[in-house]
Amino acid sequence: MSVQHLMSWERDTTEYVNENNWVITQPTGVTVVSCSCGFTRTVANQDMQSTINDHQSEARNEMQS
């Protein structure tokens, strides 16, 4: 039986209330990458796609062996 590797990602943000009582949401510069198999990594935004590609490649290699 093979495991499906369904990838998802979410950009991390932080929130704070400014001096005018507005809630401000700002990106932190990192993305949480997850897979349905349980794999989870927090990576810099620019590394998101390579992390997904690397995990999918490892999953394919695992299935072939």
PDB file of N, CA and C in Angstrom:
ATOM      1  N   MET A   1       0.854  -1.181   0.000  1.00  0.00           N
ATOM      2  CA  MET A   1       0.000   0.000   0.000  1.00  0.00           C
ATOM      3  C   MET A   1       0.902   1.247   0.000  1.00  0.00           C
ATOM      4  N   SER A   2       0.581   2.202  -0.819  1.00  0.00           N
ATOM      5  CA  SER A   2       1.393   3.410  -0.899  1.00  0.00           C
ATOM      6  C   SER A   2       0.750   4.546  -0.104  1.00  0.00           C
ATOM      7  N   VAL A   3       1.593   5.412   0.359  1.00  0.00           N
ATOM      8  CA  VAL A   3       1.148   6.583   1.117  1.00  0.00           C
ATOM      9  C   VAL A   3       1.047   7.757   0.161  1.00  0.00           C
ATOM     10  N   GLN A   4      -0.073   8.460   0.177  1.00  0.00           N
ATOM     11  CA  GLN A   4      -0.184   9.655  -0.648  1.00  0.00           C
ATOM     12  C   GLN A   4       0.507  10.807   0.066  1.00  0.00           C
ATOM     13  N   HIS A   5       1.183  11.616  -0.694  1.00  0.00           N
ATOM     14  CA  HIS A   5       1.893  12.760  -0.145  1.00  0.00           C
ATOM     15  C   HIS A   5       1.207  14.028  -0.648  1.00  0.00           C
ATOM     16  N   LEU A   6       0.231  14.481   0.102  1.00  0.00           N
ATOM     17  CA  LEU A   6      -0.500  15.694  -0.243  1.00  0.00           C
ATOM     18  C   LEU A   6       0.115  16.853   0.528  1.00  0.00           C
ATOM     19  N   MET A   7       0.726  17.771  -0.194  1.00  0.00           N
ATOM     20  CA  MET A   7       1.463  18.869   0.422  1.00  0.00           C
ATOM     21  C   MET A   7       0.557  20.081   0.653  1.00  0.00           C
ATOM     22  N   SER A   8       0.841  20.788   1.733  1.00  0.00           N
ATOM     23  CA  SER A   8       0.167  22.056   2.009  1.00  0.00           C
ATOM     24  C   SER A   8       1.180  23.003   2.633  1.00  0.00           C
ATOM     25  N   TRP A   9       0.855  24.280   2.635  1.00  0.00           N
ATOM     26  CA  TRP A   9       1.754  25.268   3.219  1.00  0.00           C
ATOM     27  C   TRP A   9       0.941  26.450   3.694  1.00  0.00           C
ATOM     28  N   GLU A  10       1.509  27.122   4.685  1.00  0.00           N
ATOM     29  CA  GLU A  10       0.849  28.308   5.232  1.00  0.00           C
ATOM     30  C   GLU A  10       1.913  29.316   5.635  1.00  0.00           C
ATOM     31  N   ARG A  11       1.767  30.515   5.125  1.00  0.00           N
ATOM     32  CA  ARG A  11       2.708  31.587   5.488  1.00  0.00           C
ATOM     33  C   ARG A  11       2.441  31.994   6.933  1.00  0.00           C
ATOM     34  N   ASP A  12       3.496  32.118   7.690  1.00  0.00           N
ATOM     35  CA  ASP A  12       3.372  32.495   9.093  1.00  0.00           C
ATOM     36  C   ASP A  12       3.246  34.015   9.204  1.00  0.00           C
ATOM     37  N   THR A  13       2.399  34.462  10.103  1.00  0.00           N
ATOM     38  CA  THR A  13       2.225  35.894  10.348  1.00  0.00           C
ATOM     39  C   THR A  13       2.229  36.160  11.846  1.00  0.00           C
ATOM     40  N   THR A  14       2.407  37.392  12.174  1.00  0.00           N
ATOM     41  CA  THR A  14       2.305  37.829  13.558  1.00  0.00           C
ATOM     42  C   THR A  14       1.342  39.005  13.611  1.00  0.00           C
ATOM     43  N   GLU A  15       0.643  39.142  14.706  1.00  0.00           N
ATOM     44  CA  GLU A  15      -0.320  40.236  14.848  1.00  0.00           C
ATOM     45  C   GLU A  15      -0.007  41.044  16.104  1.00  0.00           C
ATOM     46  N   TYR A  16      -0.287  42.319  16.012  1.00  0.00           N
ATOM     47  CA  TYR A  16      -0.171  43.191  17.175  1.00  0.00           C
ATOM     48  C   TYR A  16      -1.168  44.334  17.033  1.00  0.00           C
ATOM     49  N   VAL A  17      -1.433  44.995  18.141  1.00  0.00           N
ATOM     50  CA  VAL A  17      -2.345  46.141  18.136  1.00  0.00           C
ATOM     51  C   VAL A  17      -1.486  47.397  18.178  1.00  0.00           C
ATOM     52  N   ASN A  18      -1.702  48.294  17.183  1.00  0.00           N
ATOM     53  CA  ASN A  18      -0.898  49.514  17.142  1.00  0.00           C
ATOM     54  C   ASN A  18      -1.491  50.589  18.063  1.00  0.00           C
ATOM     55  N   GLU A  19      -0.903  51.747  18.043  1.00  0.00           N
ATOM     56  CA  GLU A  19      -1.323  52.836  18.951  1.00  0.00           C
ATOM     57  C   GLU A  19      -2.744  53.337  18.674  1.00  0.00           C
ATOM     58  N   ASN A  20      -3.277  53.039  17.489  1.00  0.00           N
ATOM     59  CA  ASN A  20      -4.656  53.439  17.151  1.00  0.00           C
ATOM     60  C   ASN A  20      -5.654  52.313  17.381  1.00  0.00           C
ATOM     61  N   ASN A  21      -5.208  51.268  18.074  1.00  0.00           N
ATOM     62  CA  ASN A  21      -6.021  50.087  18.366  1.00  0.00           C
ATOM     63  C   ASN A  21      -6.439  49.308  17.123  1.00  0.00           C
ATOM     64  N   TRP A  22      -5.654  49.404  16.076  1.00  0.00           N
ATOM     65  CA  TRP A  22      -5.860  48.581  14.885  1.00  0.00           C
ATOM     66  C   TRP A  22      -5.023  47.316  15.032  1.00  0.00           C
ATOM     67  N   VAL A  23      -5.589  46.190  14.641  1.00  0.00           N
ATOM     68  CA  VAL A  23      -4.819  44.952  14.636  1.00  0.00           C
ATOM     69  C   VAL A  23      -4.017  44.910  13.338  1.00  0.00           C
ATOM     70  N   ILE A  24      -2.725  44.805  13.469  1.00  0.00           N
ATOM     71  CA  ILE A  24      -1.814  44.786  12.329  1.00  0.00           C
ATOM     72  C   ILE A  24      -1.271  43.368  12.169  1.00  0.00           C
ATOM     73  N   THR A  25      -1.377  42.831  10.961  1.00  0.00           N
ATOM     74  CA  THR A  25      -0.849  41.501  10.648  1.00  0.00           C
ATOM     75  C   THR A  25       0.336  41.673   9.719  1.00  0.00           C
ATOM     76  N   GLN A  26       1.455  41.072  10.100  1.00  0.00           N
ATOM     77  CA  GLN A  26       2.661  41.175   9.287  1.00  0.00           C
ATOM     78  C   GLN A  26       3.252  39.788   9.057  1.00  0.00           C
ATOM     79  N   PRO A  27       3.796  39.548   7.866  1.00  0.00           N
ATOM     80  CA  PRO A  27       4.456  38.264   7.611  1.00  0.00           C
ATOM     81  C   PRO A  27       5.738  38.159   8.430  1.00  0.00           C
ATOM     82  N   THR A  28       6.054  36.947   8.854  1.00  0.00           N
ATOM     83  CA  THR A  28       7.277  36.732   9.629  1.00  0.00           C
ATOM     84  C   THR A  28       8.457  36.343   8.759  1.00  0.00           C
ATOM     85  N   GLY A  29       8.177  35.969   7.493  1.00  0.00           N
ATOM     86  CA  GLY A  29       9.259  35.548   6.605  1.00  0.00           C
ATOM     87  C   GLY A  29       9.448  34.047   6.554  1.00  0.00           C
ATOM     88  N   VAL A  30       8.580  33.295   7.249  1.00  0.00           N
ATOM     89  CA  VAL A  30       8.688  31.839   7.210  1.00  0.00           C
ATOM     90  C   VAL A  30       7.359  31.223   6.784  1.00  0.00           C
ATOM     91  N   THR A  31       7.460  30.000   6.282  1.00  0.00           N
ATOM     92  CA  THR A  31       6.303  29.236   5.839  1.00  0.00           C
ATOM     93  C   THR A  31       6.365  27.856   6.477  1.00  0.00           C
ATOM     94  N   VAL A  32       5.220  27.375   6.951  1.00  0.00           N
ATOM     95  CA  VAL A  32       5.124  26.023   7.483  1.00  0.00           C
ATOM     96  C   VAL A  32       4.680  25.120   6.331  1.00  0.00           C
ATOM     97  N   VAL A  33       5.521  24.144   5.990  1.00  0.00           N
ATOM     98  CA  VAL A  33       5.238  23.183   4.915  1.00  0.00           C
ATOM     99  C   VAL A  33       4.878  21.861   5.584  1.00  0.00           C
ATOM    100  N   SER A  34       3.741  21.282   5.178  1.00  0.00           N
ATOM    101  CA  SER A  34       3.280  20.024   5.771  1.00  0.00           C
ATOM    102  C   SER A  34       2.905  19.037   4.676  1.00  0.00           C
ATOM    103  N   CYS A  35       2.926  17.771   5.053  1.00  0.00           N
ATOM    104  CA  CYS A  35       2.522  16.702   4.149  1.00  0.00           C
ATOM    105  C   CYS A  35       1.557  15.782   4.891  1.00  0.00           C
ATOM    106  N   SER A  36       0.687  15.142   4.148  1.00  0.00           N
ATOM    107  CA  SER A  36      -0.286  14.233   4.742  1.00  0.00           C
ATOM    108  C   SER A  36       0.378  13.035   5.429  1.00  0.00           C
ATOM    109  N   CYS A  37       1.647  12.772   5.130  1.00  0.00           N
ATOM    110  CA  CYS A  37       2.357  11.652   5.755  1.00  0.00           C
ATOM    111  C   CYS A  37       2.879  11.998   7.144  1.00  0.00           C
ATOM    112  N   GLY A  38       2.764  13.269   7.539  1.00  0.00           N
ATOM    113  CA  GLY A  38       3.251  13.688   8.854  1.00  0.00           C
ATOM    114  C   GLY A  38       4.472  14.589   8.799  1.00  0.00           C
ATOM    115  N   PHE A  39       5.086  14.710   7.649  1.00  0.00           N
ATOM    116  CA  PHE A  39       6.242  15.594   7.459  1.00  0.00           C
ATOM    117  C   PHE A  39       5.816  17.041   7.691  1.00  0.00           C
ATOM    118  N   THR A  40       6.576  17.775   8.502  1.00  0.00           N
ATOM    119  CA  THR A  40       6.328  19.201   8.732  1.00  0.00           C
ATOM    120  C   THR A  40       7.668  19.903   8.894  1.00  0.00           C
ATOM    121  N   ARG A  41       7.825  21.008   8.192  1.00  0.00           N
ATOM    122  CA  ARG A  41       9.033  21.831   8.316  1.00  0.00           C
ATOM    123  C   ARG A  41       8.637  23.302   8.293  1.00  0.00           C
ATOM    124  N   THR A  42       9.345  24.097   9.072  1.00  0.00           N
ATOM    125  CA  THR A  42       9.216  25.548   9.015  1.00  0.00           C
ATOM    126  C   THR A  42      10.457  26.063   8.300  1.00  0.00           C
ATOM    127  N   VAL A  43      10.237  26.732   7.178  1.00  0.00           N
ATOM    128  CA  VAL A  43      11.354  27.153   6.336  1.00  0.00           C
ATOM    129  C   VAL A  43      11.195  28.620   5.954  1.00  0.00           C
ATOM    130  N   ALA A  44      12.292  29.228   5.525  1.00  0.00           N
ATOM    131  CA  ALA A  44      12.226  30.591   4.999  1.00  0.00           C
ATOM    132  C   ALA A  44      11.325  30.583   3.769  1.00  0.00           C
ATOM    133  N   ASN A  45      10.588  31.670   3.567  1.00  0.00           N
ATOM    134  CA  ASN A  45       9.650  31.739   2.441  1.00  0.00           C
ATOM    135  C   ASN A  45      10.292  31.322   1.122  1.00  0.00           C
ATOM    136  N   GLN A  46      11.520  31.775   0.880  1.00  0.00           N
ATOM    137  CA  GLN A  46      12.164  31.481  -0.399  1.00  0.00           C
ATOM    138  C   GLN A  46      12.552  30.012  -0.538  1.00  0.00           C
ATOM    139  N   ASP A  47      12.509  29.246   0.551  1.00  0.00           N
ATOM    140  CA  ASP A  47      12.865  27.824   0.509  1.00  0.00           C
ATOM    141  C   ASP A  47      11.645  26.912   0.436  1.00  0.00           C
ATOM    142  N   MET A  48      10.451  27.480   0.386  1.00  0.00           N
ATOM    143  CA  MET A  48       9.225  26.683   0.401  1.00  0.00           C
ATOM    144  C   MET A  48       9.173  25.699  -0.758  1.00  0.00           C
ATOM    145  N   GLN A  49       9.336  26.178  -1.981  1.00  0.00           N
ATOM    146  CA  GLN A  49       9.197  25.299  -3.146  1.00  0.00           C
ATOM    147  C   GLN A  49      10.257  24.212  -3.163  1.00  0.00           C
ATOM    148  N   SER A  50      11.488  24.548  -2.814  1.00  0.00           N
ATOM    149  CA  SER A  50      12.538  23.521  -2.816  1.00  0.00           C
ATOM    150  C   SER A  50      12.284  22.475  -1.731  1.00  0.00           C
ATOM    151  N   THR A  51      11.709  22.872  -0.607  1.00  0.00           N
ATOM    152  CA  THR A  51      11.366  21.925   0.451  1.00  0.00           C
ATOM    153  C   THR A  51      10.290  20.956  -0.034  1.00  0.00           C
ATOM    154  N   ILE A  52       9.276  21.472  -0.706  1.00  0.00           N
ATOM    155  CA  ILE A  52       8.222  20.626  -1.273  1.00  0.00           C
ATOM    156  C   ILE A  52       8.814  19.672  -2.306  1.00  0.00           C
ATOM    157  N   ASN A  53       9.619  20.197  -3.211  1.00  0.00           N
ATOM    158  CA  ASN A  53      10.232  19.367  -4.252  1.00  0.00           C
ATOM    159  C   ASN A  53      11.113  18.274  -3.657  1.00  0.00           C
ATOM    160  N   ASP A  54      11.912  18.630  -2.651  1.00  0.00           N
ATOM    161  CA  ASP A  54      12.798  17.652  -2.011  1.00  0.00           C
ATOM    162  C   ASP A  54      11.994  16.539  -1.341  1.00  0.00           C
ATOM    163  N   HIS A  55      10.936  16.902  -0.636  1.00  0.00           N
ATOM    164  CA  HIS A  55      10.133  15.887   0.048  1.00  0.00           C
ATOM    165  C   HIS A  55       9.441  14.970  -0.965  1.00  0.00           C
ATOM    166  N   GLN A  56       8.889  15.543  -2.016  1.00  0.00           N
ATOM    167  CA  GLN A  56       8.230  14.730  -3.028  1.00  0.00           C
ATOM    168  C   GLN A  56       9.231  13.799  -3.722  1.00  0.00           C
ATOM    169  N   SER A  57      10.434  14.273  -3.948  1.00  0.00           N
ATOM    170  CA  SER A  57      11.475  13.441  -4.556  1.00  0.00           C
ATOM    171  C   SER A  57      11.844  12.289  -3.624  1.00  0.00           C
ATOM    172  N   GLU A  58      12.008  12.587  -2.340  1.00  0.00           N
ATOM    173  CA  GLU A  58      12.311  11.539  -1.353  1.00  0.00           C
ATOM    174  C   GLU A  58      11.182  10.515  -1.287  1.00  0.00           C
ATOM    175  N   ALA A  59       9.940  10.984  -1.364  1.00  0.00           N
ATOM    176  CA  ALA A  59       8.782  10.094  -1.321  1.00  0.00           C
ATOM    177  C   ALA A  59       8.775   9.173  -2.539  1.00  0.00           C
ATOM    178  N   ARG A  60       9.070   9.720  -3.725  1.00  0.00           N
ATOM    179  CA  ARG A  60       9.130   8.899  -4.937  1.00  0.00           C
ATOM    180  C   ARG A  60      10.225   7.843  -4.832  1.00  0.00           C
ATOM    181  N   ASN A  61      11.396   8.256  -4.330  1.00  0.00           N
ATOM    182  CA  ASN A  61      12.514   7.313  -4.173  1.00  0.00           C
ATOM    183  C   ASN A  61      12.149   6.210  -3.192  1.00  0.00           C
ATOM    184  N   GLU A  62      11.445   6.558  -2.142  1.00  0.00           N
ATOM    185  CA  GLU A  62      11.028   5.588  -1.128  1.00  0.00           C
ATOM    186  C   GLU A  62      10.058   4.572  -1.732  1.00  0.00           C
ATOM    187  N   MET A  63       9.170   5.051  -2.584  1.00  0.00           N
ATOM    188  CA  MET A  63       8.182   4.163  -3.203  1.00  0.00           C
ATOM    189  C   MET A  63       8.849   3.205  -4.198  1.00  0.00           C
ATOM    190  N   GLN A  64       9.945   3.625  -4.826  1.00  0.00           N
ATOM    191  CA  GLN A  64      10.606   2.808  -5.832  1.00  0.00           C
ATOM    192  C   GLN A  64      11.512   1.746  -5.205  1.00  0.00           C
ATOM    193  N   SER A  65      11.875   1.925  -3.945  1.00  0.00           N
ATOM    194  CA  SER A  65      12.783   0.947  -3.326  1.00  0.00           C
ATOM    195  C   SER A  65      12.048  -0.133  -2.575  1.00  0.00           C
TER     196      SER A  65
END
